[in-house]
């Protein structure tokens, strides 16, 4: 069974009220596909959700992920995240995105699932990350959106 790391954008999209298409796709993946994977989140994912100002939304999102195993942030993941920024794979203003990626990589997860097209879900970023990972002794990772993942499964 492949493992999937969820950044905060995935459970957030499940509860999204403004981006209806994203919510529809996320719910379809969640309801029909999630059982095919070992799904994990991180302390960072939880912290980002806990920072939401709307209590009702925050609690709804946290309830979605409450039963998933939680990966802790580690000094190694922080060093790898800094390398992704240093190597210009992830921009300096997106440290949390680099950290999500690094947490998934150092914990040898197969897939990072995200709706972050700006910094993560992008074939150029995936190629650069995996090139860095290869020369640095880390495993490959797929970085995809729920929509892309469902297309691949068909």
N, C-alpha and C. Protein backbone atom coordinates (compact mmCIF):
# COMPACT_ATOMS: atom_id res chain seq x y z
N UNK A 1 0.84 -1.18 0.00
CA UNK A 1 0.00 0.00 0.00
C UNK A 1 0.89 1.25 0.00
N UNK A 2 0.62 2.15 -0.92
CA UNK A 2 1.42 3.38 -0.99
C UNK A 2 1.01 4.32 0.14
N UNK A 3 1.98 5.14 0.54
CA UNK A 3 1.73 6.10 1.61
C UNK A 3 1.57 7.50 1.04
N UNK A 4 0.65 8.24 1.64
CA UNK A 4 0.38 9.62 1.23
C UNK A 4 0.50 10.54 2.42
N UNK A 5 1.23 11.62 2.21
CA UNK A 5 1.34 12.68 3.20
C UNK A 5 0.42 13.81 2.74
N UNK A 6 -0.46 14.27 3.62
CA UNK A 6 -1.36 15.38 3.30
C UNK A 6 -0.84 16.68 3.90
N UNK A 7 -0.69 17.70 3.05
CA UNK A 7 -0.46 19.01 3.63
C UNK A 7 -1.83 19.58 4.01
N UNK A 8 -1.86 20.75 4.61
CA UNK A 8 -3.12 21.31 5.13
C UNK A 8 -4.12 21.66 4.03
N UNK A 9 -3.66 21.83 2.79
CA UNK A 9 -4.58 22.23 1.72
C UNK A 9 -5.61 21.16 1.40
N UNK A 10 -5.31 19.90 1.66
CA UNK A 10 -6.23 18.82 1.30
C UNK A 10 -7.43 18.76 2.25
N UNK A 11 -7.23 18.59 3.56
CA UNK A 11 -8.41 18.60 4.43
C UNK A 11 -9.13 19.96 4.41
N UNK A 12 -8.38 21.03 4.21
CA UNK A 12 -9.02 22.36 4.12
C UNK A 12 -9.95 22.43 2.91
N UNK A 13 -9.52 21.87 1.79
CA UNK A 13 -10.34 21.90 0.58
C UNK A 13 -11.62 21.09 0.77
N UNK A 14 -11.55 20.05 1.58
CA UNK A 14 -12.74 19.23 1.85
C UNK A 14 -13.86 20.09 2.44
N UNK A 15 -13.48 21.10 3.22
CA UNK A 15 -14.45 21.98 3.89
C UNK A 15 -14.60 23.33 3.20
N UNK A 16 -13.98 23.49 2.07
CA UNK A 16 -13.96 24.77 1.35
C UNK A 16 -15.36 25.19 0.89
N UNK A 17 -15.67 26.48 1.06
CA UNK A 17 -16.97 26.98 0.61
C UNK A 17 -16.85 27.86 -0.63
N UNK A 18 -15.66 28.38 -0.91
CA UNK A 18 -15.52 29.30 -2.05
C UNK A 18 -15.05 28.60 -3.33
N UNK A 19 -14.21 27.60 -3.22
CA UNK A 19 -13.70 26.90 -4.40
C UNK A 19 -14.42 25.56 -4.53
N UNK A 20 -15.59 25.64 -5.11
CA UNK A 20 -16.48 24.47 -5.13
C UNK A 20 -15.93 23.30 -5.93
N UNK A 21 -15.26 23.57 -7.03
CA UNK A 21 -14.71 22.48 -7.86
C UNK A 21 -13.62 21.74 -7.09
N UNK A 22 -12.76 22.49 -6.43
CA UNK A 22 -11.71 21.88 -5.61
C UNK A 22 -12.31 21.04 -4.49
N UNK A 23 -13.36 21.56 -3.86
CA UNK A 23 -14.03 20.81 -2.79
C UNK A 23 -14.63 19.51 -3.34
N UNK A 24 -15.28 19.61 -4.49
CA UNK A 24 -15.91 18.44 -5.11
C UNK A 24 -14.87 17.36 -5.42
N UNK A 25 -13.75 17.74 -6.00
CA UNK A 25 -12.68 16.79 -6.34
C UNK A 25 -12.09 16.18 -5.07
N UNK A 26 -11.83 17.02 -4.08
CA UNK A 26 -11.25 16.54 -2.83
C UNK A 26 -12.18 15.54 -2.15
N UNK A 27 -13.45 15.86 -2.11
CA UNK A 27 -14.42 14.95 -1.47
C UNK A 27 -14.53 13.64 -2.24
N UNK A 28 -14.49 13.73 -3.55
CA UNK A 28 -14.54 12.51 -4.36
C UNK A 28 -13.33 11.63 -4.05
N UNK A 29 -12.13 12.24 -4.01
CA UNK A 29 -10.92 11.48 -3.68
C UNK A 29 -11.05 10.89 -2.27
N UNK A 30 -11.45 11.73 -1.33
CA UNK A 30 -11.54 11.33 0.08
C UNK A 30 -12.52 10.16 0.24
N UNK A 31 -13.67 10.25 -0.39
CA UNK A 31 -14.71 9.24 -0.21
C UNK A 31 -14.46 7.96 -1.00
N UNK A 32 -13.76 8.06 -2.15
CA UNK A 32 -13.61 6.90 -3.02
C UNK A 32 -12.20 6.31 -3.09
N UNK A 33 -11.19 7.10 -2.80
CA UNK A 33 -9.81 6.67 -3.05
C UNK A 33 -8.94 6.54 -1.80
N UNK A 34 -9.29 7.25 -0.76
CA UNK A 34 -8.39 7.36 0.40
C UNK A 34 -8.05 6.00 1.00
N UNK A 35 -8.97 5.06 0.94
CA UNK A 35 -8.74 3.75 1.55
C UNK A 35 -7.66 2.94 0.84
N UNK A 36 -7.25 3.37 -0.34
CA UNK A 36 -6.18 2.68 -1.08
C UNK A 36 -4.79 3.01 -0.54
N UNK A 37 -4.72 3.96 0.39
CA UNK A 37 -3.43 4.49 0.83
C UNK A 37 -3.29 4.47 2.34
N UNK A 38 -2.05 4.45 2.77
CA UNK A 38 -1.73 4.76 4.16
C UNK A 38 -1.61 6.28 4.20
N UNK A 39 -2.46 6.95 4.95
CA UNK A 39 -2.51 8.41 4.95
C UNK A 39 -1.95 8.96 6.25
N UNK A 40 -1.05 9.94 6.11
CA UNK A 40 -0.42 10.56 7.26
C UNK A 40 -0.47 12.07 7.13
N UNK A 41 -0.39 12.73 8.27
CA UNK A 41 -0.24 14.18 8.33
C UNK A 41 0.97 14.46 9.22
N UNK A 42 1.26 15.72 9.40
CA UNK A 42 2.38 16.07 10.29
C UNK A 42 1.91 17.06 11.35
N UNK A 43 2.76 17.25 12.31
CA UNK A 43 2.51 18.27 13.32
C UNK A 43 2.34 19.62 12.62
N UNK A 44 3.11 19.88 11.57
CA UNK A 44 3.01 21.13 10.81
C UNK A 44 1.62 21.28 10.19
N UNK A 45 1.10 20.20 9.60
CA UNK A 45 -0.25 20.23 9.02
C UNK A 45 -1.26 20.65 10.08
N UNK A 46 -1.16 20.03 11.25
CA UNK A 46 -2.09 20.33 12.34
C UNK A 46 -1.93 21.77 12.81
N UNK A 47 -0.70 22.24 12.94
CA UNK A 47 -0.45 23.62 13.38
C UNK A 47 -1.05 24.63 12.40
N UNK A 48 -0.91 24.36 11.11
CA UNK A 48 -1.47 25.28 10.12
C UNK A 48 -2.99 25.32 10.21
N UNK A 49 -3.60 24.18 10.44
CA UNK A 49 -5.06 24.13 10.57
C UNK A 49 -5.50 24.81 11.87
N UNK A 50 -4.76 24.57 12.95
CA UNK A 50 -5.09 25.18 14.24
C UNK A 50 -4.98 26.71 14.19
N UNK A 51 -4.23 27.23 13.23
CA UNK A 51 -4.07 28.68 13.10
C UNK A 51 -5.26 29.35 12.40
N UNK A 52 -6.17 28.55 11.86
CA UNK A 52 -7.35 29.13 11.20
C UNK A 52 -8.18 29.91 12.22
N UNK A 53 -8.68 31.05 11.80
CA UNK A 53 -9.41 31.92 12.72
C UNK A 53 -10.84 31.44 13.00
N UNK A 54 -11.48 30.82 12.04
CA UNK A 54 -12.87 30.39 12.21
C UNK A 54 -12.92 29.06 12.96
N UNK A 55 -13.45 29.10 14.18
CA UNK A 55 -13.48 27.92 15.04
C UNK A 55 -14.22 26.75 14.39
N UNK A 56 -15.37 27.03 13.79
CA UNK A 56 -16.18 25.97 13.19
C UNK A 56 -15.41 25.26 12.07
N UNK A 57 -14.77 26.03 11.21
CA UNK A 57 -14.00 25.45 10.10
C UNK A 57 -12.80 24.69 10.64
N UNK A 58 -12.10 25.30 11.60
CA UNK A 58 -10.91 24.67 12.20
C UNK A 58 -11.27 23.31 12.79
N UNK A 59 -12.35 23.25 13.55
CA UNK A 59 -12.75 21.99 14.19
C UNK A 59 -13.20 20.95 13.17
N UNK A 60 -13.90 21.40 12.13
CA UNK A 60 -14.35 20.47 11.08
C UNK A 60 -13.16 19.84 10.37
N UNK A 61 -12.16 20.66 10.07
CA UNK A 61 -10.98 20.16 9.36
C UNK A 61 -10.17 19.23 10.27
N UNK A 62 -9.97 19.63 11.50
CA UNK A 62 -9.22 18.78 12.44
C UNK A 62 -9.90 17.44 12.65
N UNK A 63 -11.23 17.42 12.65
CA UNK A 63 -11.94 16.16 12.86
C UNK A 63 -11.71 15.19 11.69
N UNK A 64 -11.48 15.73 10.50
CA UNK A 64 -11.21 14.88 9.34
C UNK A 64 -9.91 14.09 9.48
N UNK A 65 -8.93 14.70 10.12
CA UNK A 65 -7.59 14.09 10.16
C UNK A 65 -7.23 13.51 11.53
N UNK A 66 -8.16 13.53 12.46
CA UNK A 66 -7.84 13.15 13.83
C UNK A 66 -7.34 11.71 13.99
N UNK A 67 -7.71 10.83 13.09
CA UNK A 67 -7.31 9.43 13.23
C UNK A 67 -6.06 9.06 12.43
N UNK A 68 -5.51 10.02 11.70
CA UNK A 68 -4.31 9.73 10.90
C UNK A 68 -3.06 9.79 11.77
N UNK A 69 -2.09 8.92 11.49
CA UNK A 69 -0.80 9.04 12.19
C UNK A 69 -0.18 10.41 11.92
N UNK A 70 0.52 10.92 12.93
CA UNK A 70 1.12 12.25 12.85
C UNK A 70 2.64 12.14 12.84
N UNK A 71 3.25 12.69 11.80
CA UNK A 71 4.71 12.75 11.71
C UNK A 71 5.18 14.02 12.41
N UNK A 72 6.20 13.88 13.22
CA UNK A 72 6.73 15.05 13.92
C UNK A 72 7.71 15.80 13.03
N UNK A 73 7.79 17.10 13.26
CA UNK A 73 8.83 17.90 12.61
C UNK A 73 10.14 17.46 13.25
N UNK A 74 11.19 17.36 12.45
CA UNK A 74 12.47 16.90 13.00
C UNK A 74 13.58 17.82 12.53
N UNK A 75 14.70 17.82 13.26
CA UNK A 75 15.84 18.62 12.80
C UNK A 75 16.29 18.23 11.39
N UNK A 76 16.25 16.92 11.08
CA UNK A 76 16.63 16.48 9.74
C UNK A 76 15.70 17.07 8.69
N UNK A 77 14.39 17.02 8.93
CA UNK A 77 13.43 17.59 7.97
C UNK A 77 13.67 19.09 7.81
N UNK A 78 13.98 19.77 8.89
CA UNK A 78 14.26 21.21 8.79
C UNK A 78 15.51 21.48 7.96
N UNK A 79 16.53 20.64 8.12
CA UNK A 79 17.76 20.81 7.31
C UNK A 79 17.46 20.56 5.83
N UNK A 80 16.69 19.52 5.53
CA UNK A 80 16.34 19.22 4.14
C UNK A 80 15.50 20.35 3.55
N UNK A 81 14.56 20.86 4.33
CA UNK A 81 13.73 21.99 3.85
C UNK A 81 14.61 23.18 3.51
N UNK A 82 15.57 23.47 4.36
CA UNK A 82 16.49 24.59 4.09
C UNK A 82 17.29 24.33 2.82
N UNK A 83 17.67 23.08 2.57
CA UNK A 83 18.39 22.74 1.34
C UNK A 83 17.52 22.97 0.11
N UNK A 84 16.22 22.60 0.19
CA UNK A 84 15.31 22.82 -0.93
C UNK A 84 15.24 24.32 -1.27
N UNK A 85 15.31 25.14 -0.23
CA UNK A 85 15.28 26.60 -0.46
C UNK A 85 16.63 27.07 -0.98
N UNK A 86 17.71 26.60 -0.36
CA UNK A 86 19.06 26.97 -0.77
C UNK A 86 19.32 26.60 -2.24
N UNK A 87 18.79 25.46 -2.67
CA UNK A 87 18.98 24.99 -4.05
C UNK A 87 17.96 25.62 -5.01
N UNK A 88 17.15 26.55 -4.48
CA UNK A 88 16.16 27.28 -5.29
C UNK A 88 15.08 26.37 -5.89
N UNK A 89 14.76 25.31 -5.17
CA UNK A 89 13.68 24.42 -5.59
C UNK A 89 12.35 24.99 -5.08
N UNK A 90 12.38 25.48 -3.85
CA UNK A 90 11.23 26.12 -3.21
C UNK A 90 11.67 27.55 -2.86
N UNK A 91 10.81 28.55 -3.09
CA UNK A 91 11.22 29.93 -2.79
C UNK A 91 11.40 30.18 -1.29
N UNK A 92 12.26 31.13 -0.94
CA UNK A 92 12.56 31.42 0.47
C UNK A 92 11.33 31.81 1.30
N UNK A 93 10.32 32.39 0.66
CA UNK A 93 9.13 32.82 1.41
C UNK A 93 8.14 31.67 1.64
N UNK A 94 8.51 30.46 1.27
CA UNK A 94 7.61 29.31 1.38
C UNK A 94 8.25 28.20 2.22
N UNK A 95 8.81 28.57 3.37
CA UNK A 95 9.51 27.57 4.19
C UNK A 95 8.58 26.43 4.61
N UNK A 96 7.33 26.75 4.99
CA UNK A 96 6.43 25.66 5.41
C UNK A 96 6.18 24.67 4.29
N UNK A 97 6.10 25.15 3.05
CA UNK A 97 5.93 24.23 1.92
C UNK A 97 7.15 23.33 1.79
N UNK A 98 8.33 23.92 1.92
CA UNK A 98 9.56 23.13 1.87
C UNK A 98 9.59 22.12 3.02
N UNK A 99 9.09 22.53 4.18
CA UNK A 99 9.09 21.65 5.34
C UNK A 99 8.09 20.50 5.17
N UNK A 100 6.91 20.79 4.62
CA UNK A 100 5.96 19.69 4.32
C UNK A 100 6.64 18.66 3.43
N UNK A 101 7.27 19.14 2.39
CA UNK A 101 7.95 18.27 1.44
C UNK A 101 9.05 17.46 2.13
N UNK A 102 9.86 18.13 2.92
CA UNK A 102 10.97 17.47 3.60
C UNK A 102 10.47 16.43 4.62
N UNK A 103 9.41 16.74 5.34
CA UNK A 103 8.85 15.78 6.30
C UNK A 103 8.42 14.52 5.56
N UNK A 104 7.73 14.70 4.43
CA UNK A 104 7.30 13.54 3.64
C UNK A 104 8.50 12.75 3.14
N UNK A 105 9.53 13.43 2.67
CA UNK A 105 10.70 12.77 2.10
C UNK A 105 11.51 12.02 3.16
N UNK A 106 11.83 12.67 4.27
CA UNK A 106 12.67 12.00 5.27
C UNK A 106 11.95 10.84 5.93
N UNK A 107 10.62 10.86 5.88
CA UNK A 107 9.83 9.74 6.41
C UNK A 107 9.47 8.73 5.33
N UNK A 108 10.08 8.89 4.15
CA UNK A 108 9.95 7.94 3.03
C UNK A 108 8.51 7.68 2.60
N UNK A 109 7.72 8.76 2.52
CA UNK A 109 6.35 8.64 2.02
C UNK A 109 6.40 8.65 0.50
N UNK A 110 5.48 7.94 -0.13
CA UNK A 110 5.48 7.81 -1.59
C UNK A 110 4.96 9.05 -2.30
N UNK A 111 3.96 9.70 -1.69
CA UNK A 111 3.25 10.79 -2.36
C UNK A 111 3.02 11.94 -1.39
N UNK A 112 3.23 13.17 -1.88
CA UNK A 112 2.79 14.36 -1.17
C UNK A 112 1.56 14.84 -1.92
N UNK A 113 0.42 14.88 -1.24
CA UNK A 113 -0.82 15.32 -1.86
C UNK A 113 -1.10 16.76 -1.43
N UNK A 114 -1.32 17.62 -2.40
CA UNK A 114 -1.47 19.05 -2.12
C UNK A 114 -2.27 19.73 -3.21
N UNK A 115 -2.83 20.87 -2.86
CA UNK A 115 -3.44 21.76 -3.86
C UNK A 115 -2.54 22.97 -4.10
N UNK A 116 -1.34 22.97 -3.58
CA UNK A 116 -0.43 24.12 -3.72
C UNK A 116 0.31 24.04 -5.05
N UNK A 117 -0.30 24.63 -6.08
CA UNK A 117 0.31 24.64 -7.40
C UNK A 117 1.44 25.67 -7.49
N UNK A 118 1.43 26.66 -6.64
CA UNK A 118 2.44 27.72 -6.69
C UNK A 118 3.83 27.19 -6.33
N UNK A 119 3.91 26.34 -5.30
CA UNK A 119 5.22 25.91 -4.80
C UNK A 119 5.48 24.41 -4.85
N UNK A 120 4.42 23.59 -4.92
CA UNK A 120 4.64 22.16 -4.77
C UNK A 120 4.19 21.33 -5.98
N UNK A 121 2.93 21.40 -6.33
CA UNK A 121 2.37 20.53 -7.37
C UNK A 121 2.72 21.12 -8.74
N UNK A 122 3.84 20.64 -9.27
CA UNK A 122 4.37 21.20 -10.49
C UNK A 122 5.51 20.27 -10.93
N UNK A 123 5.48 19.86 -12.17
CA UNK A 123 6.45 18.85 -12.62
C UNK A 123 7.89 19.32 -12.50
N UNK A 124 8.13 20.61 -12.68
CA UNK A 124 9.49 21.14 -12.54
C UNK A 124 9.99 21.00 -11.10
N UNK A 125 9.13 21.33 -10.15
CA UNK A 125 9.50 21.19 -8.73
C UNK A 125 9.75 19.72 -8.42
N UNK A 126 8.87 18.85 -8.88
CA UNK A 126 9.03 17.42 -8.61
C UNK A 126 10.35 16.90 -9.17
N UNK A 127 10.68 17.29 -10.40
CA UNK A 127 11.97 16.86 -11.00
C UNK A 127 13.16 17.35 -10.19
N UNK A 128 13.14 18.61 -9.81
CA UNK A 128 14.26 19.18 -9.04
C UNK A 128 14.39 18.54 -7.66
N UNK A 129 13.25 18.31 -7.01
CA UNK A 129 13.26 17.67 -5.69
C UNK A 129 13.86 16.27 -5.81
N UNK A 130 13.40 15.52 -6.79
CA UNK A 130 13.88 14.14 -6.92
C UNK A 130 15.33 14.08 -7.37
N UNK A 131 15.79 15.05 -8.14
CA UNK A 131 17.21 15.11 -8.50
C UNK A 131 18.04 15.37 -7.25
N UNK A 132 17.62 16.35 -6.44
CA UNK A 132 18.32 16.63 -5.19
C UNK A 132 18.28 15.40 -4.27
N UNK A 133 17.10 14.78 -4.16
CA UNK A 133 16.97 13.61 -3.28
C UNK A 133 17.89 12.48 -3.72
N UNK A 134 17.99 12.25 -5.02
CA UNK A 134 18.84 11.18 -5.55
C UNK A 134 20.30 11.38 -5.16
N UNK A 135 20.82 12.59 -5.38
CA UNK A 135 22.24 12.83 -5.08
C UNK A 135 22.50 12.94 -3.57
N UNK A 136 21.44 13.15 -2.80
CA UNK A 136 21.59 13.32 -1.35
C UNK A 136 21.20 12.08 -0.55
N UNK A 137 20.79 11.03 -1.25
CA UNK A 137 20.48 9.78 -0.57
C UNK A 137 19.06 9.67 -0.03
N UNK A 138 18.17 10.51 -0.50
CA UNK A 138 16.77 10.44 -0.07
C UNK A 138 15.94 9.78 -1.17
N UNK A 139 14.76 9.31 -0.77
CA UNK A 139 13.92 8.60 -1.72
C UNK A 139 13.15 9.57 -2.63
N UNK A 140 12.68 9.01 -3.74
CA UNK A 140 11.86 9.77 -4.68
C UNK A 140 10.49 10.01 -4.05
N UNK A 141 9.82 11.06 -4.52
CA UNK A 141 8.47 11.34 -4.07
C UNK A 141 7.65 11.87 -5.23
N UNK A 142 6.39 11.49 -5.27
CA UNK A 142 5.44 12.07 -6.23
C UNK A 142 4.77 13.24 -5.53
N UNK A 143 4.59 14.34 -6.26
CA UNK A 143 3.92 15.51 -5.71
C UNK A 143 2.73 15.78 -6.63
N UNK A 144 1.53 15.53 -6.14
CA UNK A 144 0.35 15.62 -6.99
C UNK A 144 -0.85 16.20 -6.26
N UNK A 145 -1.83 16.62 -7.04
CA UNK A 145 -3.12 17.04 -6.51
C UNK A 145 -4.05 15.82 -6.51
N UNK A 146 -5.15 15.90 -5.76
CA UNK A 146 -6.11 14.79 -5.81
C UNK A 146 -6.62 14.51 -7.23
N UNK A 147 -6.82 15.55 -7.99
CA UNK A 147 -7.31 15.40 -9.36
C UNK A 147 -6.31 14.59 -10.19
N UNK A 148 -5.03 14.94 -10.10
CA UNK A 148 -3.99 14.21 -10.85
C UNK A 148 -3.89 12.77 -10.38
N UNK A 149 -3.97 12.56 -9.09
CA UNK A 149 -3.85 11.22 -8.53
C UNK A 149 -4.99 10.33 -9.00
N UNK A 150 -6.19 10.87 -9.07
CA UNK A 150 -7.33 10.07 -9.55
C UNK A 150 -7.19 9.75 -11.01
N UNK A 151 -6.63 10.67 -11.81
CA UNK A 151 -6.40 10.41 -13.23
C UNK A 151 -5.39 9.28 -13.40
N UNK A 152 -4.34 9.29 -12.57
CA UNK A 152 -3.31 8.25 -12.64
C UNK A 152 -3.88 6.87 -12.28
N UNK A 153 -4.84 6.86 -11.37
CA UNK A 153 -5.42 5.59 -10.89
C UNK A 153 -6.35 4.96 -11.92
N UNK A 154 -6.87 5.78 -12.83
CA UNK A 154 -7.82 5.27 -13.85
C UNK A 154 -7.16 4.33 -14.84
